[in-house]
PDB file of N, CA and C in Angstrom:
ATOM      1  N   MET A   1      83.676  80.177  67.476  1.00  0.00           N
ATOM      2  CA  MET A   1      82.718  81.092  68.054  1.00  0.00           C
ATOM      3  C   MET A   1      81.283  80.621  67.778  1.00  0.00           C
ATOM      4  N   LEU A   2      81.055  80.056  66.609  1.00  0.00           N
ATOM      5  CA  LEU A   2      79.721  79.549  66.293  1.00  0.00           C
ATOM      6  C   LEU A   2      79.317  78.456  67.273  1.00  0.00           C
ATOM      7  N   ALA A   3      80.238  77.541  67.568  1.00  0.00           N
ATOM      8  CA  ALA A   3      79.936  76.454  68.499  1.00  0.00           C
ATOM      9  C   ALA A   3      79.599  76.995  69.887  1.00  0.00           C
ATOM     10  N   GLU A   4      80.285  78.042  70.308  1.00  0.00           N
ATOM     11  CA  GLU A   4      80.036  78.624  71.624  1.00  0.00           C
ATOM     12  C   GLU A   4      78.662  79.286  71.697  1.00  0.00           C
ATOM     13  N   ASN A   5      78.139  79.704  70.567  1.00  0.00           N
ATOM     14  CA  ASN A   5      76.857  80.405  70.539  1.00  0.00           C
ATOM     15  C   ASN A   5      75.712  79.543  70.043  1.00  0.00           C
ATOM     16  N   THR A   6      75.942  78.253  69.908  1.00  0.00           N
ATOM     17  CA  THR A   6      74.903  77.332  69.484  1.00  0.00           C
ATOM     18  C   THR A   6      74.293  76.682  70.724  1.00  0.00           C
ATOM     19  N   PRO A   7      72.988  76.872  70.938  1.00  0.00           N
ATOM     20  CA  PRO A   7      72.387  76.300  72.142  1.00  0.00           C
ATOM     21  C   PRO A   7      72.322  74.780  72.070  1.00  0.00           C
ATOM     22  N   GLY A   8      72.456  74.176  73.215  1.00  0.00           N
ATOM     23  CA  GLY A   8      72.278  72.731  73.316  1.00  0.00           C
ATOM     24  C   GLY A   8      70.795  72.436  73.458  1.00  0.00           C
ATOM     25  N   PRO A   9      70.473  71.191  73.727  1.00  0.00           N
ATOM     26  CA  PRO A   9      69.056  70.846  73.899  1.00  0.00           C
ATOM     27  C   PRO A   9      68.484  71.537  75.135  1.00  0.00           C
ATOM     28  N   PRO A  10      67.203  71.882  75.085  1.00  0.00           N
ATOM     29  CA  PRO A  10      66.594  72.509  76.262  1.00  0.00           C
ATOM     30  C   PRO A  10      66.497  71.503  77.404  1.00  0.00           C
ATOM     31  N   PRO A  11      66.429  72.002  78.636  1.00  0.00           N
ATOM     32  CA  PRO A  11      66.279  71.102  79.783  1.00  0.00           C
ATOM     33  C   PRO A  11      65.032  70.239  79.634  1.00  0.00           C
ATOM     34  N   SER A  12      65.164  68.995  79.972  1.00  0.00           N
ATOM     35  CA  SER A  12      64.070  68.039  79.837  1.00  0.00           C
ATOM     36  C   SER A  12      62.844  68.469  80.632  1.00  0.00           C
ATOM     37  N   GLY A  13      61.693  68.444  79.977  1.00  0.00           N
ATOM     38  CA  GLY A  13      60.435  68.715  80.648  1.00  0.00           C
ATOM     39  C   GLY A  13      60.061  70.176  80.794  1.00  0.00           C
ATOM     40  N   LEU A  14      60.983  71.087  80.515  1.00  0.00           N
ATOM     41  CA  LEU A  14      60.673  72.504  80.657  1.00  0.00           C
ATOM     42  C   LEU A  14      60.151  73.073  79.347  1.00  0.00           C
ATOM     43  N   PRO A  15      59.071  73.837  79.397  1.00  0.00           N
ATOM     44  CA  PRO A  15      58.594  74.475  78.172  1.00  0.00           C
ATOM     45  C   PRO A  15      59.544  75.597  77.770  1.00  0.00           C
ATOM     46  N   VAL A  16      59.729  75.769  76.472  1.00  0.00           N
ATOM     47  CA  VAL A  16      60.664  76.770  75.949  1.00  0.00           C
ATOM     48  C   VAL A  16      59.947  77.595  74.883  1.00  0.00           C
ATOM     49  N   PHE A  17      60.134  78.908  74.944  1.00  0.00           N
ATOM     50  CA  PHE A  17      59.604  79.810  73.932  1.00  0.00           C
ATOM     51  C   PHE A  17      60.754  80.233  73.033  1.00  0.00           C
ATOM     52  N   VAL A  18      60.579  80.092  71.721  1.00  0.00           N
ATOM     53  CA  VAL A  18      61.594  80.498  70.755  1.00  0.00           C
ATOM     54  C   VAL A  18      60.963  81.494  69.795  1.00  0.00           C
ATOM     55  N   ALA A  19      61.587  82.670  69.684  1.00  0.00           N
ATOM     56  CA  ALA A  19      61.131  83.699  68.754  1.00  0.00           C
ATOM     57  C   ALA A  19      62.196  83.900  67.688  1.00  0.00           C
ATOM     58  N   GLN A  20      61.755  84.070  66.447  1.00  0.00           N
ATOM     59  CA  GLN A  20      62.681  84.259  65.335  1.00  0.00           C
ATOM     60  C   GLN A  20      62.170  85.352  64.418  1.00  0.00           C
ATOM     61  N   GLY A  21      63.029  86.265  64.064  1.00  0.00           N
ATOM     62  CA  GLY A  21      62.690  87.284  63.082  1.00  0.00           C
ATOM     63  C   GLY A  21      62.874  86.726  61.680  1.00  0.00           C
ATOM     64  N   GLY A  22      61.862  86.845  60.864  1.00  0.00           N
ATOM     65  CA  GLY A  22      61.932  86.337  59.502  1.00  0.00           C
ATOM     66  C   GLY A  22      62.909  87.102  58.632  1.00  0.00           C
ATOM     67  N   ALA A  23      63.239  88.332  59.013  1.00  0.00           N
ATOM     68  CA  ALA A  23      64.188  89.144  58.254  1.00  0.00           C
ATOM     69  C   ALA A  23      65.546  89.232  58.949  1.00  0.00           C
ATOM     70  N   ASP A  24      65.789  88.345  59.904  1.00  0.00           N
ATOM     71  CA  ASP A  24      67.060  88.324  60.633  1.00  0.00           C
ATOM     72  C   ASP A  24      68.153  87.793  59.713  1.00  0.00           C
ATOM     73  N   THR A  25      69.222  88.563  59.552  1.00  0.00           N
ATOM     74  CA  THR A  25      70.345  88.115  58.725  1.00  0.00           C
ATOM     75  C   THR A  25      71.528  87.677  59.578  1.00  0.00           C
ATOM     76  N   LEU A  26      71.437  87.831  60.895  1.00  0.00           N
ATOM     77  CA  LEU A  26      72.505  87.380  61.788  1.00  0.00           C
ATOM     78  C   LEU A  26      72.231  85.957  62.262  1.00  0.00           C
ATOM     79  N   VAL A  27      71.043  85.726  62.791  1.00  0.00           N
ATOM     80  CA  VAL A  27      70.592  84.377  63.129  1.00  0.00           C
ATOM     81  C   VAL A  27      69.508  84.052  62.104  1.00  0.00           C
ATOM     82  N   VAL A  28      69.899  83.386  61.053  1.00  0.00           N
ATOM     83  CA  VAL A  28      68.974  83.179  59.937  1.00  0.00           C
ATOM     84  C   VAL A  28      67.852  82.225  60.342  1.00  0.00           C
ATOM     85  N   PRO A  29      66.653  82.476  59.822  1.00  0.00           N
ATOM     86  CA  PRO A  29      65.505  81.652  60.189  1.00  0.00           C
ATOM     87  C   PRO A  29      65.734  80.148  60.010  1.00  0.00           C
ATOM     88  N   ALA A  30      66.419  79.751  58.961  1.00  0.00           N
ATOM     89  CA  ALA A  30      66.641  78.315  58.734  1.00  0.00           C
ATOM     90  C   ALA A  30      67.416  77.671  59.877  1.00  0.00           C
ATOM     91  N   ALA A  31      68.353  78.396  60.467  1.00  0.00           N
ATOM     92  CA  ALA A  31      69.131  77.853  61.589  1.00  0.00           C
ATOM     93  C   ALA A  31      68.238  77.639  62.806  1.00  0.00           C
ATOM     94  N   THR A  32      67.371  78.605  63.092  1.00  0.00           N
ATOM     95  CA  THR A  32      66.468  78.468  64.228  1.00  0.00           C
ATOM     96  C   THR A  32      65.452  77.370  63.980  1.00  0.00           C
ATOM     97  N   GLN A  33      64.933  77.302  62.775  1.00  0.00           N
ATOM     98  CA  GLN A  33      63.978  76.251  62.438  1.00  0.00           C
ATOM     99  C   GLN A  33      64.615  74.876  62.584  1.00  0.00           C
ATOM    100  N   ALA A  34      65.876  74.728  62.195  1.00  0.00           N
ATOM    101  CA  ALA A  34      66.580  73.450  62.342  1.00  0.00           C
ATOM    102  C   ALA A  34      66.765  73.113  63.819  1.00  0.00           C
ATOM    103  N   TYR A  35      67.100  74.116  64.634  1.00  0.00           N
ATOM    104  CA  TYR A  35      67.255  73.894  66.076  1.00  0.00           C
ATOM    105  C   TYR A  35      65.936  73.436  66.687  1.00  0.00           C
ATOM    106  N   VAL A  36      64.855  74.134  66.351  1.00  0.00           N
ATOM    107  CA  VAL A  36      63.532  73.790  66.893  1.00  0.00           C
ATOM    108  C   VAL A  36      63.137  72.378  66.468  1.00  0.00           C
ATOM    109  N   ALA A  37      63.354  72.049  65.208  1.00  0.00           N
ATOM    110  CA  ALA A  37      63.000  70.704  64.716  1.00  0.00           C
ATOM    111  C   ALA A  37      63.784  69.630  65.463  1.00  0.00           C
ATOM    112  N   ALA A  38      65.071  69.856  65.674  1.00  0.00           N
ATOM    113  CA  ALA A  38      65.898  68.879  66.398  1.00  0.00           C
ATOM    114  C   ALA A  38      65.444  68.757  67.852  1.00  0.00           C
ATOM    115  N   ALA A  39      65.150  69.889  68.477  1.00  0.00           N
ATOM    116  CA  ALA A  39      64.684  69.859  69.869  1.00  0.00           C
ATOM    117  C   ALA A  39      63.347  69.134  69.969  1.00  0.00           C
ATOM    118  N   CYS A  40      62.473  69.361  69.012  1.00  0.00           N
ATOM    119  CA  CYS A  40      61.178  68.672  68.996  1.00  0.00           C
ATOM    120  C   CYS A  40      61.368  67.163  68.838  1.00  0.00           C
ATOM    121  N   ARG A  41      62.265  66.776  67.949  1.00  0.00           N
ATOM    122  CA  ARG A  41      62.540  65.338  67.768  1.00  0.00           C
ATOM    123  C   ARG A  41      63.088  64.727  69.051  1.00  0.00           C
ATOM    124  N   GLY A  42      63.770  65.549  69.849  1.00  0.00           N
ATOM    125  CA  GLY A  42      64.319  65.081  71.119  1.00  0.00           C
ATOM    126  C   GLY A  42      63.316  65.103  72.258  1.00  0.00           C
ATOM    127  N   GLY A  43      62.081  65.497  71.957  1.00  0.00           N
ATOM    128  CA  GLY A  43      61.041  65.475  72.984  1.00  0.00           C
ATOM    129  C   GLY A  43      60.813  66.790  73.705  1.00  0.00           C
ATOM    130  N   ALA A  44      61.452  67.867  73.258  1.00  0.00           N
ATOM    131  CA  ALA A  44      61.281  69.163  73.918  1.00  0.00           C
ATOM    132  C   ALA A  44      59.870  69.696  73.706  1.00  0.00           C
ATOM    133  N   ARG A  45      59.457  70.552  74.627  1.00  0.00           N
ATOM    134  CA  ARG A  45      58.165  71.237  74.520  1.00  0.00           C
ATOM    135  C   ARG A  45      58.443  72.676  74.089  1.00  0.00           C
ATOM    136  N   ILE A  46      58.389  72.912  72.799  1.00  0.00           N
ATOM    137  CA  ILE A  46      58.759  74.199  72.219  1.00  0.00           C
ATOM    138  C   ILE A  46      57.513  74.942  71.745  1.00  0.00           C
ATOM    139  N   THR A  47      57.452  76.217  72.073  1.00  0.00           N
ATOM    140  CA  THR A  47      56.489  77.118  71.469  1.00  0.00           C
ATOM    141  C   THR A  47      57.315  78.021  70.570  1.00  0.00           C
ATOM    142  N   PHE A  48      57.152  77.875  69.266  1.00  0.00           N
ATOM    143  CA  PHE A  48      57.954  78.607  68.288  1.00  0.00           C
ATOM    144  C   PHE A  48      57.098  79.629  67.569  1.00  0.00           C
ATOM    145  N   ARG A  49      57.585  80.849  67.539  1.00  0.00           N
ATOM    146  CA  ARG A  49      56.901  81.919  66.813  1.00  0.00           C
ATOM    147  C   ARG A  49      57.916  82.595  65.896  1.00  0.00           C
ATOM    148  N   GLN A  50      57.537  82.733  64.638  1.00  0.00           N
ATOM    149  CA  GLN A  50      58.365  83.485  63.701  1.00  0.00           C
ATOM    150  C   GLN A  50      57.607  84.751  63.329  1.00  0.00           C
ATOM    151  N   TYR A  51      58.304  85.864  63.374  1.00  0.00           N
ATOM    152  CA  TYR A  51      57.736  87.167  63.086  1.00  0.00           C
ATOM    153  C   TYR A  51      58.337  87.630  61.755  1.00  0.00           C
ATOM    154  N   PRO A  52      57.559  87.538  60.684  1.00  0.00           N
ATOM    155  CA  PRO A  52      58.093  87.649  59.321  1.00  0.00           C
ATOM    156  C   PRO A  52      58.918  88.886  59.002  1.00  0.00           C
ATOM    157  N   THR A  53      58.563  90.031  59.537  1.00  0.00           N
ATOM    158  CA  THR A  53      59.276  91.256  59.144  1.00  0.00           C
ATOM    159  C   THR A  53      60.340  91.693  60.134  1.00  0.00           C
ATOM    160  N   ASP A  54      60.511  90.959  61.224  1.00  0.00           N
ATOM    161  CA  ASP A  54      61.474  91.385  62.243  1.00  0.00           C
ATOM    162  C   ASP A  54      62.901  90.967  61.924  1.00  0.00           C
ATOM    163  N   THR A  55      63.821  91.807  62.397  1.00  0.00           N
ATOM    164  CA  THR A  55      65.248  91.569  62.239  1.00  0.00           C
ATOM    165  C   THR A  55      65.829  91.164  63.591  1.00  0.00           C
ATOM    166  N   HIS A  56      67.133  90.957  63.605  1.00  0.00           N
ATOM    167  CA  HIS A  56      67.808  90.607  64.847  1.00  0.00           C
ATOM    168  C   HIS A  56      67.650  91.729  65.886  1.00  0.00           C
ATOM    169  N   GLY A  57      67.575  92.966  65.405  1.00  0.00           N
ATOM    170  CA  GLY A  57      67.474  94.112  66.300  1.00  0.00           C
ATOM    171  C   GLY A  57      66.069  94.448  66.756  1.00  0.00           C
ATOM    172  N   THR A  58      65.042  93.897  66.098  1.00  0.00           N
ATOM    173  CA  THR A  58      63.669  94.265  66.455  1.00  0.00           C
ATOM    174  C   THR A  58      62.861  93.138  67.077  1.00  0.00           C
ATOM    175  N   ILE A  59      63.339  91.901  66.960  1.00  0.00           N
ATOM    176  CA  ILE A  59      62.549  90.745  67.384  1.00  0.00           C
ATOM    177  C   ILE A  59      62.189  90.772  68.869  1.00  0.00           C
ATOM    178  N   ALA A  60      63.108  91.197  69.709  1.00  0.00           N
ATOM    179  CA  ALA A  60      62.836  91.175  71.152  1.00  0.00           C
ATOM    180  C   ALA A  60      61.643  92.062  71.500  1.00  0.00           C
ATOM    181  N   ASP A  61      61.606  93.267  70.950  1.00  0.00           N
ATOM    182  CA  ASP A  61      60.490  94.166  71.252  1.00  0.00           C
ATOM    183  C   ASP A  61      59.170  93.616  70.718  1.00  0.00           C
ATOM    184  N   THR A  62      59.191  93.076  69.533  1.00  0.00           N
ATOM    185  CA  THR A  62      57.968  92.560  68.923  1.00  0.00           C
ATOM    186  C   THR A  62      57.421  91.349  69.672  1.00  0.00           C
ATOM    187  N   ALA A  63      58.320  90.491  70.144  1.00  0.00           N
ATOM    188  CA  ALA A  63      57.904  89.237  70.780  1.00  0.00           C
ATOM    189  C   ALA A  63      57.453  89.402  72.228  1.00  0.00           C
ATOM    190  N   VAL A  64      57.700  90.547  72.845  1.00  0.00           N
ATOM    191  CA  VAL A  64      57.397  90.732  74.269  1.00  0.00           C
ATOM    192  C   VAL A  64      55.972  90.319  74.645  1.00  0.00           C
ATOM    193  N   PRO A  65      54.938  90.743  73.941  1.00  0.00           N
ATOM    194  CA  PRO A  65      53.592  90.325  74.359  1.00  0.00           C
ATOM    195  C   PRO A  65      53.414  88.799  74.371  1.00  0.00           C
ATOM    196  N   ASP A  66      53.964  88.115  73.372  1.00  0.00           N
ATOM    197  CA  ASP A  66      53.845  86.655  73.333  1.00  0.00           C
ATOM    198  C   ASP A  66      54.684  85.994  74.430  1.00  0.00           C
ATOM    199  N   VAL A  67      55.853  86.542  74.693  1.00  0.00           N
ATOM    200  CA  VAL A  67      56.709  85.994  75.764  1.00  0.00           C
ATOM    201  C   VAL A  67      56.013  86.163  77.110  1.00  0.00           C
ATOM    202  N   LEU A  68      55.460  87.337  77.363  1.00  0.00           N
ATOM    203  CA  LEU A  68      54.761  87.570  78.634  1.00  0.00           C
ATOM    204  C   LEU A  68      53.559  86.645  78.789  1.00  0.00           C
ATOM    205  N   ALA A  69      52.805  86.446  77.734  1.00  0.00           N
ATOM    206  CA  ALA A  69      51.660  85.527  77.791  1.00  0.00           C
ATOM    207  C   ALA A  69      52.136  84.107  78.079  1.00  0.00           C
ATOM    208  N   PHE A  70      53.233  83.695  77.464  1.00  0.00           N
ATOM    209  CA  PHE A  70      53.819  82.374  77.677  1.00  0.00           C
ATOM    210  C   PHE A  70      54.232  82.201  79.144  1.00  0.00           C
ATOM    211  N   VAL A  71      54.915  83.202  79.682  1.00  0.00           N
ATOM    212  CA  VAL A  71      55.387  83.130  81.076  1.00  0.00           C
ATOM    213  C   VAL A  71      54.201  83.145  82.038  1.00  0.00           C
ATOM    214  N   ARG A  72      53.252  84.029  81.806  1.00  0.00           N
ATOM    215  CA  ARG A  72      52.069  84.087  82.689  1.00  0.00           C
ATOM    216  C   ARG A  72      51.324  82.757  82.707  1.00  0.00           C
ATOM    217  N   SER A  73      51.146  82.196  81.526  1.00  0.00           N
ATOM    218  CA  SER A  73      50.454  80.919  81.413  1.00  0.00           C
ATOM    219  C   SER A  73      51.216  79.821  82.143  1.00  0.00           C
ATOM    220  N   SER A  74      52.522  79.806  81.966  1.00  0.00           N
ATOM    221  CA  SER A  74      53.351  78.804  82.639  1.00  0.00           C
ATOM    222  C   SER A  74      53.297  78.945  84.149  1.00  0.00           C
ATOM    223  N   LEU A  75      53.384  80.178  84.634  1.00  0.00           N
ATOM    224  CA  LEU A  75      53.343  80.414  86.088  1.00  0.00           C
ATOM    225  C   LEU A  75      51.978  80.079  86.668  1.00  0.00           C
ATOM    226  N   ALA A  76      50.943  80.188  85.859  1.00  0.00           N
ATOM    227  CA  ALA A  76      49.584  79.849  86.328  1.00  0.00           C
ATOM    228  C   ALA A  76      49.346  78.340  86.317  1.00  0.00           C
ATOM    229  N   GLY A  77      50.325  77.602  85.837  1.00  0.00           N
ATOM    230  CA  GLY A  77      50.203  76.149  85.836  1.00  0.00           C
ATOM    231  C   GLY A  77      49.640  75.561  84.564  1.00  0.00           C
ATOM    232  N   ALA A  78      49.355  76.400  83.588  1.00  0.00           N
ATOM    233  CA  ALA A  78      48.831  75.894  82.306  1.00  0.00           C
ATOM    234  C   ALA A  78      49.982  75.377  81.455  1.00  0.00           C
ATOM    235  N   ALA A  79      49.753  74.290  80.789  1.00  0.00           N
ATOM    236  CA  ALA A  79      50.776  73.759  79.898  1.00  0.00           C
ATOM    237  C   ALA A  79      50.771  74.573  78.609  1.00  0.00           C
ATOM    238  N   PRO A  80      51.912  75.193  78.266  1.00  0.00           N
ATOM    239  CA  PRO A  80      51.959  75.945  77.015  1.00  0.00           C
ATOM    240  C   PRO A  80      51.704  75.032  75.822  1.00  0.00           C
ATOM    241  N   THR A  81      51.136  75.606  74.795  1.00  0.00           N
ATOM    242  CA  THR A  81      50.877  74.842  73.582  1.00  0.00           C
ATOM    243  C   THR A  81      52.183  74.635  72.847  1.00  0.00           C
ATOM    244  N   SER A  82      52.537  73.396  72.633  1.00  0.00           N
ATOM    245  CA  SER A  82      53.752  73.083  71.886  1.00  0.00           C
ATOM    246  C   SER A  82      53.445  73.175  70.400  1.00  0.00           C
ATOM    247  N   THR A  83      54.383  73.738  69.651  1.00  0.00           N
ATOM    248  CA  THR A  83      54.241  73.805  68.204  1.00  0.00           C
ATOM    249  C   THR A  83      55.027  72.694  67.519  1.00  0.00           C
ATOM    250  N   CYS A  84      55.525  71.747  68.305  1.00  0.00           N
ATOM    251  CA  CYS A  84      56.280  70.620  67.732  1.00  0.00           C
ATOM    252  C   CYS A  84      55.348  69.707  66.948  1.00  0.00           C
TER     253      CYS A  84
END
């Protein structure tokens, strides 16, 4: 089941936004950080944000403003800032 829920590399050339709750005990921050680091080494354009007090159940609501800004910027043709 873990393998089925582990994302592969992001599509080449597409910017990706990754949000992680620092208090998430289901998807632990270290796992997401390792994924982001590997994707960055592979040339991905990742915008990574960690929200220190969020859990698996709260991260989506907290990240919405940043996700919307990321999408708006991308649709406007601006290159998102990579945190790689």
